[in-house]
Each structure stands twice: as C-alpha cells, then as structure tokens.
Amino acid sequence: MFIIMTAVALIGLLASLVYLVEFARASRGDALFLPASTGRARRARRITGMYVRGNDDQLVGR
C-alpha cells in the first residue's frame, strides 16, 4: 500500500512540474502587448489573470 501511495505522489509531483515548465516556456516567449498567438500563451495568460470575465461571461483582455 505504501508503494502505491508513493507512486501516486510521485506521478502527481512530476505532472505538476511538467505543467510548471510548460507555463514558464509559454509566458517567457509571450509579448503581452499583442494578442496571444498560441493556446499555450492563452492558457498562461488565463492562469496569471491577464484575461478577466466580461459582461457576457466571455474572456476579455485587461
């Protein structure tokens, strides 16, 4: 049982590190004064709060 819990924790840690690396790469190459060019850039902007909900529940730039 301990081995299974350790494996699940290790998989969760690796998944979060992969997501963090992807986020860092997308945010580094993103020019904030231009529209987001890729889905990765849009996701990074959404996570950091660059997009907010408008009146119609649409994501709009700040």
Protein backbone atom coordinates (compact mmCIF):
# COMPACT_ATOMS: atom_id res chain seq x y z
CA MET A 1 0.00 0.00 0.00
CA PHE A 2 2.86 2.35 0.82
CA ILE A 3 4.42 1.75 -2.60
CA ILE A 4 1.16 2.64 -4.35
CA MET A 5 0.77 5.87 -2.34
CA THR A 6 4.38 6.80 -3.08
CA ALA A 7 3.91 6.14 -6.79
CA VAL A 8 0.75 8.26 -6.92
CA ALA A 9 2.51 11.11 -5.09
CA LEU A 10 5.49 10.89 -7.44
CA ILE A 11 3.25 10.94 -10.53
CA GLY A 12 1.41 13.99 -9.15
CA LEU A 13 4.70 15.76 -8.48
CA LEU A 14 6.03 15.02 -11.96
CA ALA A 15 2.77 16.15 -13.59
CA SER A 16 2.85 19.45 -11.70
CA LEU A 17 6.48 20.01 -12.70
CA VAL A 18 5.68 19.36 -16.37
CA TYR A 19 2.78 21.84 -16.17
CA LEU A 20 5.04 24.42 -14.49
CA VAL A 21 7.71 24.07 -17.20
CA GLU A 22 5.11 24.43 -19.95
CA PHE A 23 3.68 27.51 -18.25
CA ALA A 24 7.13 29.08 -17.85
CA ARG A 25 8.03 28.49 -21.50
CA ALA A 26 4.71 29.92 -22.72
CA SER A 27 4.95 33.02 -20.53
CA ARG A 28 8.58 33.73 -21.40
CA GLY A 29 8.01 33.98 -25.14
CA ASP A 30 4.72 35.87 -24.88
CA ALA A 31 4.59 39.54 -25.89
CA LEU A 32 1.83 40.92 -23.69
CA PHE A 33 1.03 43.87 -25.96
CA LEU A 34 0.00 41.55 -28.82
CA PRO A 35 -2.89 39.06 -28.97
CA ALA A 36 -1.97 35.60 -27.74
CA SER A 37 -0.70 33.58 -30.67
CA THR A 38 -0.96 30.05 -29.28
CA GLY A 39 -3.14 28.06 -26.95
CA ARG A 40 -0.25 27.76 -24.53
CA ALA A 41 0.08 31.54 -24.34
CA ARG A 42 -3.67 31.95 -23.82
CA ARG A 43 -3.62 29.36 -21.01
CA ALA A 44 -0.66 31.11 -19.35
CA ARG A 45 -2.44 34.46 -19.55
CA ARG A 46 -5.64 32.96 -18.17
CA ILE A 47 -3.81 31.45 -15.18
CA THR A 48 -1.97 34.69 -14.35
CA GLY A 49 -5.14 36.79 -14.60
CA MET A 50 -4.40 38.60 -17.85
CA TYR A 51 -7.89 37.64 -19.02
CA VAL A 52 -10.96 38.51 -16.97
CA ARG A 53 -14.63 37.71 -17.44
CA GLY A 54 -16.55 40.39 -19.30
CA ASN A 55 -20.25 41.22 -19.06
CA ASP A 56 -21.21 38.32 -21.35
CA ASP A 57 -19.03 35.79 -19.47
CA GLN A 58 -16.51 35.99 -22.28
CA LEU A 59 -12.79 36.13 -21.56
CA VAL A 60 -11.55 39.61 -22.44
CA GLY A 61 -8.10 41.19 -22.15
CA ARG A 62 -7.41 43.55 -19.29
